[in-house]
Amino acid sequence: QLQLVESGGGLVQPGGSLRLSCAASGFTLDYYAIGWFRQAPGKESEGVSCISSSGGSTTYADFVKGRFTISRDNAKNTVYLQMNSLKPEDTAVYYCAAAKGSYYWAPLTRTEFRSWGQGTQVTVSS
């Protein structure tokens, strides 16, 4: 069974950094695009970033461009989201999700993803 586990969330001050990890078990990430999504209280889920199965293509939402970087280490079966210059509006539960697809496919459409992790809380506050 495909399982994804997020970690690395926490409380950070505005301007600070966090690195989220998404570890897979029960399957290899080699053939999957991995996306990060987030949901804040009272708001709809939104796509944050995605990396293709090859790692050769990435997609970012406009509100994180220049601040967040997605990467993957297939040898460790893990995808990372480096988050810098964090803002209070980045506060949310962050989820990773897997979508099987071609080497350079990196969607940010929630419906493309079939397997989801349980989420990790990120709180940006002074």
PDB file of N, CA and C in Angstrom:
ATOM      1  N   GLN A   1       0.853  -1.186   0.000  1.00  0.00           N
ATOM      2  CA  GLN A   1       0.000   0.000   0.000  1.00  0.00           C
ATOM      3  C   GLN A   1       0.894   1.243   0.000  1.00  0.00           C
ATOM      4  N   LEU A   2       0.530   2.190  -0.859  1.00  0.00           N
ATOM      5  CA  LEU A   2       1.307   3.412  -0.945  1.00  0.00           C
ATOM      6  C   LEU A   2       1.094   4.255   0.306  1.00  0.00           C
ATOM      7  N   GLN A   3       2.190   4.622   0.951  1.00  0.00           N
ATOM      8  CA  GLN A   3       2.096   5.499   2.113  1.00  0.00           C
ATOM      9  C   GLN A   3       3.076   6.650   1.974  1.00  0.00           C
ATOM     10  N   LEU A   4       2.619   7.828   2.323  1.00  0.00           N
ATOM     11  CA  LEU A   4       3.450   9.027   2.330  1.00  0.00           C
ATOM     12  C   LEU A   4       3.402   9.620   3.729  1.00  0.00           C
ATOM     13  N   VAL A   5       4.559   9.989   4.249  1.00  0.00           N
ATOM     14  CA  VAL A   5       4.632  10.562   5.583  1.00  0.00           C
ATOM     15  C   VAL A   5       5.400  11.873   5.526  1.00  0.00           C
ATOM     16  N   GLU A   6       4.733  12.950   5.937  1.00  0.00           N
ATOM     17  CA  GLU A   6       5.367  14.269   5.970  1.00  0.00           C
ATOM     18  C   GLU A   6       6.001  14.498   7.337  1.00  0.00           C
ATOM     19  N   SER A   7       7.056  15.276   7.340  1.00  0.00           N
ATOM     20  CA  SER A   7       7.693  15.682   8.592  1.00  0.00           C
ATOM     21  C   SER A   7       8.394  17.011   8.371  1.00  0.00           C
ATOM     22  N   GLY A   8       8.806  17.628   9.473  1.00  0.00           N
ATOM     23  CA  GLY A   8       9.569  18.866   9.371  1.00  0.00           C
ATOM     24  C   GLY A   8       8.793  20.128   9.679  1.00  0.00           C
ATOM     25  N   GLY A   9       7.510  19.993   9.909  1.00  0.00           N
ATOM     26  CA  GLY A   9       6.731  21.174  10.251  1.00  0.00           C
ATOM     27  C   GLY A   9       7.049  21.678  11.645  1.00  0.00           C
ATOM     28  N   GLY A  10       6.504  22.842  11.975  1.00  0.00           N
ATOM     29  CA  GLY A  10       6.731  23.402  13.299  1.00  0.00           C
ATOM     30  C   GLY A  10       6.385  24.865  13.348  1.00  0.00           C
ATOM     31  N   LEU A  11       6.834  25.496  14.420  1.00  0.00           N
ATOM     32  CA  LEU A  11       6.604  26.924  14.629  1.00  0.00           C
ATOM     33  C   LEU A  11       7.879  27.679  14.265  1.00  0.00           C
ATOM     34  N   VAL A  12       7.733  28.703  13.456  1.00  0.00           N
ATOM     35  CA  VAL A  12       8.883  29.495  13.023  1.00  0.00           C
ATOM     36  C   VAL A  12       8.474  30.955  12.968  1.00  0.00           C
ATOM     37  N   GLN A  13       9.427  31.836  13.202  1.00  0.00           N
ATOM     38  CA  GLN A  13       9.141  33.269  13.132  1.00  0.00           C
ATOM     39  C   GLN A  13       9.094  33.739  11.683  1.00  0.00           C
ATOM     40  N   PRO A  14       8.388  34.825  11.433  1.00  0.00           N
ATOM     41  CA  PRO A  14       8.389  35.389  10.075  1.00  0.00           C
ATOM     42  C   PRO A  14       9.810  35.645   9.591  1.00  0.00           C
ATOM     43  N   GLY A  15      10.055  35.285   8.335  1.00  0.00           N
ATOM     44  CA  GLY A  15      11.395  35.412   7.780  1.00  0.00           C
ATOM     45  C   GLY A  15      12.239  34.170   7.953  1.00  0.00           C
ATOM     46  N   GLY A  16      11.766  33.232   8.749  1.00  0.00           N
ATOM     47  CA  GLY A  16      12.522  32.025   9.026  1.00  0.00           C
ATOM     48  C   GLY A  16      12.364  30.966   7.943  1.00  0.00           C
ATOM     49  N   SER A  17      12.966  29.804   8.191  1.00  0.00           N
ATOM     50  CA  SER A  17      12.972  28.716   7.214  1.00  0.00           C
ATOM     51  C   SER A  17      12.585  27.393   7.864  1.00  0.00           C
ATOM     52  N   LEU A  18      12.033  26.539   7.051  1.00  0.00           N
ATOM     53  CA  LEU A  18      11.753  25.152   7.433  1.00  0.00           C
ATOM     54  C   LEU A  18      11.983  24.283   6.213  1.00  0.00           C
ATOM     55  N   ARG A  19      12.326  23.022   6.451  1.00  0.00           N
ATOM     56  CA  ARG A  19      12.409  22.059   5.361  1.00  0.00           C
ATOM     57  C   ARG A  19      11.466  20.908   5.660  1.00  0.00           C
ATOM     58  N   LEU A  20      10.499  20.744   4.806  1.00  0.00           N
ATOM     59  CA  LEU A  20       9.570  19.631   4.930  1.00  0.00           C
ATOM     60  C   LEU A  20      10.091  18.432   4.150  1.00  0.00           C
ATOM     61  N   SER A  21       9.807  17.252   4.673  1.00  0.00           N
ATOM     62  CA  SER A  21      10.165  16.014   3.990  1.00  0.00           C
ATOM     63  C   SER A  21       8.915  15.190   3.745  1.00  0.00           C
ATOM     64  N   CYS A  22       8.928  14.469   2.649  1.00  0.00           N
ATOM     65  CA  CYS A  22       7.835  13.561   2.303  1.00  0.00           C
ATOM     66  C   CYS A  22       8.482  12.223   1.982  1.00  0.00           C
ATOM     67  N   ALA A  23       8.337  11.274   2.884  1.00  0.00           N
ATOM     68  CA  ALA A  23       8.955   9.966   2.719  1.00  0.00           C
ATOM     69  C   ALA A  23       7.916   8.947   2.285  1.00  0.00           C
ATOM     70  N   ALA A  24       8.290   8.132   1.327  1.00  0.00           N
ATOM     71  CA  ALA A  24       7.377   7.113   0.809  1.00  0.00           C
ATOM     72  C   ALA A  24       7.744   5.739   1.336  1.00  0.00           C
ATOM     73  N   SER A  25       6.737   4.934   1.560  1.00  0.00           N
ATOM     74  CA  SER A  25       6.958   3.539   1.919  1.00  0.00           C
ATOM     75  C   SER A  25       5.951   2.687   1.169  1.00  0.00           C
ATOM     76  N   GLY A  26       6.355   1.463   0.889  1.00  0.00           N
ATOM     77  CA  GLY A  26       5.466   0.554   0.180  1.00  0.00           C
ATOM     78  C   GLY A  26       5.535   0.690  -1.331  1.00  0.00           C
ATOM     79  N   PHE A  27       6.275   1.680  -1.810  1.00  0.00           N
ATOM     80  CA  PHE A  27       6.438   1.848  -3.243  1.00  0.00           C
ATOM     81  C   PHE A  27       7.648   2.744  -3.484  1.00  0.00           C
ATOM     82  N   THR A  28       8.135   2.724  -4.710  1.00  0.00           N
ATOM     83  CA  THR A  28       9.240   3.605  -5.052  1.00  0.00           C
ATOM     84  C   THR A  28       8.695   4.867  -5.708  1.00  0.00           C
ATOM     85  N   LEU A  29       9.307   5.999  -5.328  1.00  0.00           N
ATOM     86  CA  LEU A  29       8.856   7.284  -5.864  1.00  0.00           C
ATOM     87  C   LEU A  29       9.312   7.526  -7.295  1.00  0.00           C
ATOM     88  N   ASP A  30      10.163   6.637  -7.813  1.00  0.00           N
ATOM     89  CA  ASP A  30      10.805   6.882  -9.112  1.00  0.00           C
ATOM     90  C   ASP A  30       9.818   7.214 -10.226  1.00  0.00           C
ATOM     91  N   TYR A  31       8.610   6.676 -10.186  1.00  0.00           N
ATOM     92  CA  TYR A  31       7.670   6.839 -11.288  1.00  0.00           C
ATOM     93  C   TYR A  31       6.554   7.833 -10.978  1.00  0.00           C
ATOM     94  N   TYR A  32       6.736   8.599  -9.890  1.00  0.00           N
ATOM     95  CA  TYR A  32       5.665   9.473  -9.430  1.00  0.00           C
ATOM     96  C   TYR A  32       6.093  10.935  -9.363  1.00  0.00           C
ATOM     97  N   ALA A  33       5.211  11.793  -9.865  1.00  0.00           N
ATOM     98  CA  ALA A  33       5.338  13.205  -9.541  1.00  0.00           C
ATOM     99  C   ALA A  33       4.849  13.387  -8.109  1.00  0.00           C
ATOM    100  N   ILE A  34       5.527  14.256  -7.375  1.00  0.00           N
ATOM    101  CA  ILE A  34       5.150  14.519  -5.995  1.00  0.00           C
ATOM    102  C   ILE A  34       4.802  15.989  -5.854  1.00  0.00           C
ATOM    103  N   GLY A  35       3.627  16.212  -5.308  1.00  0.00           N
ATOM    104  CA  GLY A  35       3.169  17.587  -5.111  1.00  0.00           C
ATOM    105  C   GLY A  35       3.021  17.920  -3.638  1.00  0.00           C
ATOM    106  N   TRP A  36       3.166  19.187  -3.346  1.00  0.00           N
ATOM    107  CA  TRP A  36       2.882  19.712  -2.007  1.00  0.00           C
ATOM    108  C   TRP A  36       1.658  20.615  -2.099  1.00  0.00           C
ATOM    109  N   PHE A  37       0.740  20.408  -1.182  1.00  0.00           N
ATOM    110  CA  PHE A  37      -0.466  21.211  -1.081  1.00  0.00           C
ATOM    111  C   PHE A  37      -0.577  21.718   0.346  1.00  0.00           C
ATOM    112  N   ARG A  38      -1.374  22.732   0.538  1.00  0.00           N
ATOM    113  CA  ARG A  38      -1.568  23.230   1.896  1.00  0.00           C
ATOM    114  C   ARG A  38      -3.006  23.663   2.085  1.00  0.00           C
ATOM    115  N   GLN A  39      -3.420  23.634   3.338  1.00  0.00           N
ATOM    116  CA  GLN A  39      -4.764  24.083   3.678  1.00  0.00           C
ATOM    117  C   GLN A  39      -4.717  24.824   5.004  1.00  0.00           C
ATOM    118  N   ALA A  40      -5.137  26.066   4.957  1.00  0.00           N
ATOM    119  CA  ALA A  40      -5.228  26.888   6.163  1.00  0.00           C
ATOM    120  C   ALA A  40      -6.648  26.812   6.714  1.00  0.00           C
ATOM    121  N   PRO A  41      -6.827  27.074   8.004  1.00  0.00           N
ATOM    122  CA  PRO A  41      -8.166  27.015   8.592  1.00  0.00           C
ATOM    123  C   PRO A  41      -9.141  27.922   7.859  1.00  0.00           C
ATOM    124  N   GLY A  42     -10.285  27.374   7.495  1.00  0.00           N
ATOM    125  CA  GLY A  42     -11.316  28.157   6.848  1.00  0.00           C
ATOM    126  C   GLY A  42     -11.063  28.454   5.383  1.00  0.00           C
ATOM    127  N   LYS A  43      -9.970  27.888   4.835  1.00  0.00           N
ATOM    128  CA  LYS A  43      -9.650  28.148   3.429  1.00  0.00           C
ATOM    129  C   LYS A  43      -9.602  26.842   2.646  1.00  0.00           C
ATOM    130  N   GLU A  44      -9.717  26.969   1.358  1.00  0.00           N
ATOM    131  CA  GLU A  44      -9.625  25.789   0.505  1.00  0.00           C
ATOM    132  C   GLU A  44      -8.167  25.365   0.340  1.00  0.00           C
ATOM    133  N   SER A  45      -8.004  24.084   0.016  1.00  0.00           N
ATOM    134  CA  SER A  45      -6.675  23.560  -0.256  1.00  0.00           C
ATOM    135  C   SER A  45      -6.107  24.232  -1.507  1.00  0.00           C
ATOM    136  N   GLU A  46      -4.781  24.467  -1.489  1.00  0.00           N
ATOM    137  CA  GLU A  46      -4.151  25.066  -2.668  1.00  0.00           C
ATOM    138  C   GLU A  46      -2.833  24.365  -2.965  1.00  0.00           C
ATOM    139  N   GLY A  47      -2.524  24.260  -4.231  1.00  0.00           N
ATOM    140  CA  GLY A  47      -1.273  23.656  -4.651  1.00  0.00           C
ATOM    141  C   GLY A  47      -0.113  24.586  -4.385  1.00  0.00           C
ATOM    142  N   VAL A  48       0.978  24.044  -3.892  1.00  0.00           N
ATOM    143  CA  VAL A  48       2.163  24.829  -3.558  1.00  0.00           C
ATOM    144  C   VAL A  48       3.275  24.584  -4.571  1.00  0.00           C
ATOM    145  N   SER A  49       3.620  23.326  -4.781  1.00  0.00           N
ATOM    146  CA  SER A  49       4.726  22.999  -5.676  1.00  0.00           C
ATOM    147  C   SER A  49       4.634  21.541  -6.072  1.00  0.00           C
ATOM    148  N   CYS A  50       5.268  21.219  -7.198  1.00  0.00           N
ATOM    149  CA  CYS A  50       5.285  19.835  -7.666  1.00  0.00           C
ATOM    150  C   CYS A  50       6.604  19.580  -8.377  1.00  0.00           C
ATOM    151  N   ILE A  51       7.085  18.342  -8.257  1.00  0.00           N
ATOM    152  CA  ILE A  51       8.294  17.942  -8.971  1.00  0.00           C
ATOM    153  C   ILE A  51       7.977  16.666  -9.749  1.00  0.00           C
ATOM    154  N   SER A  52       8.449  16.613 -10.990  1.00  0.00           N
ATOM    155  CA  SER A  52       8.175  15.456 -11.833  1.00  0.00           C
ATOM    156  C   SER A  52       8.962  14.235 -11.363  1.00  0.00           C
ATOM    157  N   SER A  53       8.603  13.087 -11.894  1.00  0.00           N
ATOM    158  CA  SER A  53       9.255  11.847 -11.463  1.00  0.00           C
ATOM    159  C   SER A  53      10.749  11.865 -11.740  1.00  0.00           C
ATOM    160  N   SER A  54      11.151  12.509 -12.829  1.00  0.00           N
ATOM    161  CA  SER A  54      12.572  12.590 -13.167  1.00  0.00           C
ATOM    162  C   SER A  54      13.305  13.655 -12.366  1.00  0.00           C
ATOM    163  N   GLY A  55      12.532  14.572 -11.777  1.00  0.00           N
ATOM    164  CA  GLY A  55      13.141  15.729 -11.123  1.00  0.00           C
ATOM    165  C   GLY A  55      13.497  16.826 -12.093  1.00  0.00           C
ATOM    166  N   GLY A  56      13.245  16.591 -13.372  1.00  0.00           N
ATOM    167  CA  GLY A  56      13.640  17.556 -14.381  1.00  0.00           C
ATOM    168  C   GLY A  56      12.667  18.693 -14.605  1.00  0.00           C
ATOM    169  N   SER A  57      11.493  18.598 -13.985  1.00  0.00           N
ATOM    170  CA  SER A  57      10.496  19.645 -14.141  1.00  0.00           C
ATOM    171  C   SER A  57       9.882  19.954 -12.790  1.00  0.00           C
ATOM    172  N   THR A  58       9.721  21.244 -12.519  1.00  0.00           N
ATOM    173  CA  THR A  58       9.096  21.674 -11.274  1.00  0.00           C
ATOM    174  C   THR A  58       8.052  22.740 -11.573  1.00  0.00           C
ATOM    175  N   THR A  59       7.084  22.810 -10.694  1.00  0.00           N
ATOM    176  CA  THR A  59       6.026  23.808 -10.798  1.00  0.00           C
ATOM    177  C   THR A  59       5.857  24.469  -9.439  1.00  0.00           C
ATOM    178  N   TYR A  60       5.664  25.778  -9.450  1.00  0.00           N
ATOM    179  CA  TYR A  60       5.461  26.517  -8.205  1.00  0.00           C
ATOM    180  C   TYR A  60       4.244  27.422  -8.335  1.00  0.00           C
ATOM    181  N   ALA A  61       3.497  27.520  -7.253  1.00  0.00           N
ATOM    182  CA  ALA A  61       2.457  28.533  -7.201  1.00  0.00           C
ATOM    183  C   ALA A  61       3.113  29.901  -7.128  1.00  0.00           C
ATOM    184  N   ASP A  62       2.450  30.901  -7.677  1.00  0.00           N
ATOM    185  CA  ASP A  62       3.037  32.247  -7.719  1.00  0.00           C
ATOM    186  C   ASP A  62       3.388  32.750  -6.320  1.00  0.00           C
ATOM    187  N   PHE A  63       2.590  32.391  -5.333  1.00  0.00           N
ATOM    188  CA  PHE A  63       2.795  32.963  -4.005  1.00  0.00           C
ATOM    189  C   PHE A  63       4.003  32.368  -3.278  1.00  0.00           C
ATOM    190  N   VAL A  64       4.670  31.356  -3.859  1.00  0.00           N
ATOM    191  CA  VAL A  64       5.877  30.806  -3.232  1.00  0.00           C
ATOM    192  C   VAL A  64       7.113  30.913  -4.124  1.00  0.00           C
ATOM    193  N   LYS A  65       6.948  31.386  -5.331  1.00  0.00           N
ATOM    194  CA  LYS A  65       8.085  31.483  -6.245  1.00  0.00           C
ATOM    195  C   LYS A  65       9.175  32.375  -5.661  1.00  0.00           C
ATOM    196  N   GLY A  66      10.397  31.869  -5.726  1.00  0.00           N
ATOM    197  CA  GLY A  66      11.519  32.615  -5.185  1.00  0.00           C
ATOM    198  C   GLY A  66      11.749  32.391  -3.708  1.00  0.00           C
ATOM    199  N   ARG A  67      10.791  31.725  -3.042  1.00  0.00           N
ATOM    200  CA  ARG A  67      10.946  31.474  -1.596  1.00  0.00           C
ATOM    201  C   ARG A  67      11.044  29.977  -1.292  1.00  0.00           C
ATOM    202  N   PHE A  68      10.313  29.159  -2.024  1.00  0.00           N
ATOM    203  CA  PHE A  68      10.291  27.717  -1.777  1.00  0.00           C
ATOM    204  C   PHE A  68      11.034  26.987  -2.889  1.00  0.00           C
ATOM    205  N   THR A  69      11.665  25.882  -2.530  1.00  0.00           N
ATOM    206  CA  THR A  69      12.351  25.042  -3.502  1.00  0.00           C
ATOM    207  C   THR A  69      12.001  23.584  -3.239  1.00  0.00           C
ATOM    208  N   ILE A  70      11.546  22.910  -4.282  1.00  0.00           N
ATOM    209  CA  ILE A  70      11.224  21.492  -4.169  1.00  0.00           C
ATOM    210  C   ILE A  70      12.362  20.682  -4.772  1.00  0.00           C
ATOM    211  N   SER A  71      12.644  19.539  -4.153  1.00  0.00           N
ATOM    212  CA  SER A  71      13.703  18.661  -4.661  1.00  0.00           C
ATOM    213  C   SER A  71      13.360  17.223  -4.283  1.00  0.00           C
ATOM    214  N   ARG A  72      14.080  16.317  -4.889  1.00  0.00           N
ATOM    215  CA  ARG A  72      13.825  14.919  -4.565  1.00  0.00           C
ATOM    216  C   ARG A  72      15.119  14.135  -4.532  1.00  0.00           C
ATOM    217  N   ASP A  73      15.136  13.099  -3.703  1.00  0.00           N
ATOM    218  CA  ASP A  73      16.253  12.177  -3.618  1.00  0.00           C
ATOM    219  C   ASP A  73      15.652  10.780  -3.756  1.00  0.00           C
ATOM    220  N   ASN A  74      15.651  10.272  -4.976  1.00  0.00           N
ATOM    221  CA  ASN A  74      15.000   8.984  -5.211  1.00  0.00           C
ATOM    222  C   ASN A  74      15.714   7.846  -4.487  1.00  0.00           C
ATOM    223  N   ALA A  75      17.003   8.001  -4.248  1.00  0.00           N
ATOM    224  CA  ALA A  75      17.729   6.962  -3.515  1.00  0.00           C
ATOM    225  C   ALA A  75      17.206   6.838  -2.082  1.00  0.00           C
ATOM    226  N   LYS A  76      16.727   7.967  -1.530  1.00  0.00           N
ATOM    227  CA  LYS A  76      16.167   7.969  -0.176  1.00  0.00           C
ATOM    228  C   LYS A  76      14.645   7.890  -0.209  1.00  0.00           C
ATOM    229  N   ASN A  77      14.092   7.823  -1.429  1.00  0.00           N
ATOM    230  CA  ASN A  77      12.628   7.743  -1.574  1.00  0.00           C
ATOM    231  C   ASN A  77      11.931   8.897  -0.853  1.00  0.00           C
ATOM    232  N   THR A  78      12.511  10.081  -1.005  1.00  0.00           N
ATOM    233  CA  THR A  78      12.039  11.240  -0.257  1.00  0.00           C
ATOM    234  C   THR A  78      12.026  12.487  -1.139  1.00  0.00           C
ATOM    235  N   VAL A  79      11.035  13.324  -0.924  1.00  0.00           N
ATOM    236  CA  VAL A  79      10.933  14.627  -1.582  1.00  0.00           C
ATOM    237  C   VAL A  79      10.966  15.694  -0.499  1.00  0.00           C
ATOM    238  N   TYR A  80      11.603  16.803  -0.808  1.00  0.00           N
ATOM    239  CA  TYR A  80      11.769  17.882   0.161  1.00  0.00           C
ATOM    240  C   TYR A  80      11.114  19.157  -0.344  1.00  0.00           C
ATOM    241  N   LEU A  81      10.706  19.980   0.599  1.00  0.00           N
ATOM    242  CA  LEU A  81      10.245  21.328   0.281  1.00  0.00           C
ATOM    243  C   LEU A  81      10.984  22.281   1.216  1.00  0.00           C
ATOM    244  N   GLN A  82      11.941  22.998   0.663  1.00  0.00           N
ATOM    245  CA  GLN A  82      12.686  24.000   1.424  1.00  0.00           C
ATOM    246  C   GLN A  82      11.898  25.296   1.375  1.00  0.00           C
ATOM    247  N   MET A  83      11.542  25.792   2.543  1.00  0.00           N
ATOM    248  CA  MET A  83      10.719  26.994   2.630  1.00  0.00           C
ATOM    249  C   MET A  83      11.510  28.088   3.329  1.00  0.00           C
ATOM    250  N   ASN A  84      11.791  29.148   2.595  1.00  0.00           N
ATOM    251  CA  ASN A  84      12.540  30.292   3.133  1.00  0.00           C
ATOM    252  C   ASN A  84      11.662  31.528   3.150  1.00  0.00           C
ATOM    253  N   SER A  85      12.094  32.525   3.879  1.00  0.00           N
ATOM    254  CA  SER A  85      11.369  33.806   3.955  1.00  0.00           C
ATOM    255  C   SER A  85       9.892  33.578   4.261  1.00  0.00           C
ATOM    256  N   LEU A  86       9.642  32.766   5.239  1.00  0.00           N
ATOM    257  CA  LEU A  86       8.264  32.410   5.567  1.00  0.00           C
ATOM    258  C   LEU A  86       7.474  33.598   6.088  1.00  0.00           C
ATOM    259  N   LYS A  87       6.193  33.597   5.730  1.00  0.00           N
ATOM    260  CA  LYS A  87       5.278  34.674   6.097  1.00  0.00           C
ATOM    261  C   LYS A  87       4.141  34.086   6.931  1.00  0.00           C
ATOM    262  N   PRO A  88       3.485  34.907   7.732  1.00  0.00           N
ATOM    263  CA  PRO A  88       2.344  34.397   8.508  1.00  0.00           C
ATOM    264  C   PRO A  88       1.282  33.739   7.627  1.00  0.00           C
ATOM    265  N   GLU A  89       1.108  34.231   6.415  1.00  0.00           N
ATOM    266  CA  GLU A  89       0.099  33.648   5.522  1.00  0.00           C
ATOM    267  C   GLU A  89       0.503  32.287   4.982  1.00  0.00           C
ATOM    268  N   ASP A  90       1.713  31.833   5.263  1.00  0.00           N
ATOM    269  CA  ASP A  90       2.117  30.470   4.904  1.00  0.00           C
ATOM    270  C   ASP A  90       1.649  29.447   5.941  1.00  0.00           C
ATOM    271  N   THR A  91       1.088  29.928   7.027  1.00  0.00           N
ATOM    272  CA  THR A  91       0.595  29.029   8.067  1.00  0.00           C
ATOM    273  C   THR A  91      -0.504  28.134   7.511  1.00  0.00           C
ATOM    274  N   ALA A  92      -0.320  26.833   7.647  1.00  0.00           N
ATOM    275  CA  ALA A  92      -1.270  25.863   7.100  1.00  0.00           C
ATOM    276  C   ALA A  92      -0.796  24.454   7.451  1.00  0.00           C
ATOM    277  N   VAL A  93      -1.644  23.494   7.191  1.00  0.00           N
ATOM    278  CA  VAL A  93      -1.217  22.093   7.187  1.00  0.00           C
ATOM    279  C   VAL A  93      -0.740  21.781   5.777  1.00  0.00           C
ATOM    280  N   TYR A  94       0.453  21.250   5.690  1.00  0.00           N
ATOM    281  CA  TYR A  94       1.054  20.940   4.401  1.00  0.00           C
ATOM    282  C   TYR A  94       0.993  19.431   4.156  1.00  0.00           C
ATOM    283  N   TYR A  95       0.535  19.080   2.968  1.00  0.00           N
ATOM    284  CA  TYR A  95       0.378  17.680   2.580  1.00  0.00           C
ATOM    285  C   TYR A  95       1.226  17.396   1.346  1.00  0.00           C
ATOM    286  N   CYS A  96       1.794  16.199   1.286  1.00  0.00           N
ATOM    287  CA  CYS A  96       2.390  15.766   0.029  1.00  0.00           C
ATOM    288  C   CYS A  96       1.495  14.693  -0.584  1.00  0.00           C
ATOM    289  N   ALA A  97       1.600  14.566  -1.893  1.00  0.00           N
ATOM    290  CA  ALA A  97       0.745  13.641  -2.622  1.00  0.00           C
ATOM    291  C   ALA A  97       1.494  13.121  -3.840  1.00  0.00           C
ATOM    292  N   ALA A  98       1.115  11.922  -4.297  1.00  0.00           N
ATOM    293  CA  ALA A  98       1.796  11.267  -5.409  1.00  0.00           C
ATOM    294  C   ALA A  98       0.852  11.085  -6.584  1.00  0.00           C
ATOM    295  N   ALA A  99       1.418  11.304  -7.779  1.00  0.00           N
ATOM    296  CA  ALA A  99       0.667  11.110  -9.021  1.00  0.00           C
ATOM    297  C   ALA A  99       1.588  10.408 -10.018  1.00  0.00           C
ATOM    298  N   LYS A 100       1.139   9.265 -10.528  1.00  0.00           N
ATOM    299  CA  LYS A 100       1.971   8.533 -11.469  1.00  0.00           C
ATOM    300  C   LYS A 100       1.885   9.197 -12.829  1.00  0.00           C
ATOM    301  N   GLY A 101       3.055   9.488 -13.412  1.00  0.00           N
ATOM    302  CA  GLY A 101       3.028  10.178 -14.686  1.00  0.00           C
ATOM    303  C   GLY A 101       4.362  10.161 -15.389  1.00  0.00           C
ATOM    304  N   SER A 102       4.436  10.843 -16.495  1.00  0.00           N
ATOM    305  CA  SER A 102       5.628  10.842 -17.332  1.00  0.00           C
ATOM    306  C   SER A 102       6.750  11.651 -16.684  1.00  0.00           C
ATOM    307  N   TYR A 103       7.919  11.520 -17.251  1.00  0.00           N
ATOM    308  CA  TYR A 103       9.142  12.053 -16.644  1.00  0.00           C
ATOM    309  C   TYR A 103       9.101  13.555 -16.345  1.00  0.00           C
ATOM    310  N   TYR A 104       8.431  14.328 -17.177  1.00  0.00           N
ATOM    311  CA  TYR A 104       8.481  15.787 -17.021  1.00  0.00           C
ATOM    312  C   TYR A 104       7.117  16.389 -16.673  1.00  0.00           C
ATOM    313  N   TRP A 105       6.258  15.570 -16.175  1.00  0.00           N
ATOM    314  CA  TRP A 105       4.912  16.006 -15.796  1.00  0.00           C
ATOM    315  C   TRP A 105       4.914  16.433 -14.334  1.00  0.00           C
ATOM    316  N   ALA A 106       4.518  17.679 -14.085  1.00  0.00           N
ATOM    317  CA  ALA A 106       4.545  18.209 -12.727  1.00  0.00           C
ATOM    318  C   ALA A 106       3.301  19.058 -12.495  1.00  0.00           C
ATOM    319  N   PRO A 107       2.145  18.404 -12.322  1.00  0.00           N
ATOM    320  CA  PRO A 107       0.895  19.149 -12.189  1.00  0.00           C
ATOM    321  C   PRO A 107       0.697  19.739 -10.790  1.00  0.00           C
ATOM    322  N   LEU A 108      -0.190  20.684 -10.687  1.00  0.00           N
ATOM    323  CA  LEU A 108      -0.597  21.225  -9.393  1.00  0.00           C
ATOM    324  C   LEU A 108      -2.106  21.154  -9.232  1.00  0.00           C
ATOM    325  N   THR A 109      -2.714  20.238  -9.960  1.00  0.00           N
ATOM    326  CA  THR A 109      -4.153  20.040  -9.878  1.00  0.00           C
ATOM    327  C   THR A 109      -4.436  18.922  -8.893  1.00  0.00           C
ATOM    328  N   ARG A 110      -5.163  19.232  -7.864  1.00  0.00           N
ATOM    329  CA  ARG A 110      -5.389  18.288  -6.777  1.00  0.00           C
ATOM    330  C   ARG A 110      -5.958  16.951  -7.265  1.00  0.00           C
ATOM    331  N   THR A 111      -6.826  16.991  -8.222  1.00  0.00           N
ATOM    332  CA  THR A 111      -7.504  15.780  -8.678  1.00  0.00           C
ATOM    333  C   THR A 111      -6.575  14.804  -9.397  1.00  0.00           C
ATOM    334  N   GLU A 112      -5.376  15.251  -9.767  1.00  0.00           N
ATOM    335  CA  GLU A 112      -4.424  14.355 -10.428  1.00  0.00           C
ATOM    336  C   GLU A 112      -3.752  13.405  -9.437  1.00  0.00           C
ATOM    337  N   PHE A 113      -3.840  13.722  -8.159  1.00  0.00           N
ATOM    338  CA  PHE A 113      -3.090  12.990  -7.141  1.00  0.00           C
ATOM    339  C   PHE A 113      -3.998  12.003  -6.412  1.00  0.00           C
ATOM    340  N   ARG A 114      -3.508  10.767  -6.301  1.00  0.00           N
ATOM    341  CA  ARG A 114      -4.332   9.709  -5.726  1.00  0.00           C
ATOM    342  C   ARG A 114      -3.898   9.286  -4.329  1.00  0.00           C
ATOM    343  N   SER A 115      -2.640   9.481  -3.983  1.00  0.00           N
ATOM    344  CA  SER A 115      -2.143   9.053  -2.678  1.00  0.00           C
ATOM    345  C   SER A 115      -1.682  10.278  -1.909  1.00  0.00           C
ATOM    346  N   TRP A 116      -2.108  10.362  -0.650  1.00  0.00           N
ATOM    347  CA  TRP A 116      -1.863  11.548   0.170  1.00  0.00           C
ATOM    348  C   TRP A 116      -1.280  11.157   1.523  1.00  0.00           C
ATOM    349  N   GLY A 117      -0.437  12.054   2.048  1.00  0.00           N
ATOM    350  CA  GLY A 117       0.050  11.893   3.406  1.00  0.00           C
ATOM    351  C   GLY A 117      -0.933  12.481   4.402  1.00  0.00           C
ATOM    352  N   GLN A 118      -0.575  12.419   5.679  1.00  0.00           N
ATOM    353  CA  GLN A 118      -1.474  12.868   6.739  1.00  0.00           C
ATOM    354  C   GLN A 118      -1.303  14.359   7.060  1.00  0.00           C
ATOM    355  N   GLY A 119      -0.244  14.962   6.561  1.00  0.00           N
ATOM    356  CA  GLY A 119      -0.039  16.390   6.746  1.00  0.00           C
ATOM    357  C   GLY A 119       0.882  16.725   7.905  1.00  0.00           C
ATOM    358  N   THR A 120       1.503  17.889   7.815  1.00  0.00           N
ATOM    359  CA  THR A 120       2.342  18.416   8.882  1.00  0.00           C
ATOM    360  C   THR A 120       2.026  19.902   9.046  1.00  0.00           C
ATOM    361  N   GLN A 121       1.909  20.327  10.296  1.00  0.00           N
ATOM    362  CA  GLN A 121       1.506  21.702  10.569  1.00  0.00           C
ATOM    363  C   GLN A 121       2.707  22.648  10.471  1.00  0.00           C
ATOM    364  N   VAL A 122       2.508  23.734   9.757  1.00  0.00           N
ATOM    365  CA  VAL A 122       3.493  24.809   9.697  1.00  0.00           C
ATOM    366  C   VAL A 122       2.824  26.072  10.235  1.00  0.00           C
ATOM    367  N   THR A 123       3.430  26.660  11.243  1.00  0.00           N
ATOM    368  CA  THR A 123       2.901  27.884  11.839  1.00  0.00           C
ATOM    369  C   THR A 123       3.980  28.951  11.802  1.00  0.00           C
ATOM    370  N   VAL A 124       3.655  30.064  11.190  1.00  0.00           N
ATOM    371  CA  VAL A 124       4.592  31.183  11.087  1.00  0.00           C
ATOM    372  C   VAL A 124       4.038  32.329  11.925  1.00  0.00           C
ATOM    373  N   SER A 125       4.706  32.592  13.020  1.00  0.00           N
ATOM    374  CA  SER A 125       4.200  33.587  13.959  1.00  0.00           C
ATOM    375  C   SER A 125       5.329  34.089  14.835  1.00  0.00           C
ATOM    376  N   SER A 126       5.222  35.364  15.222  1.00  0.00           N
ATOM    377  CA  SER A 126       6.201  35.922  16.152  1.00  0.00           C
ATOM    378  C   SER A 126       5.718  35.764  17.588  1.00  0.00           C
TER     379      SER A 126
END
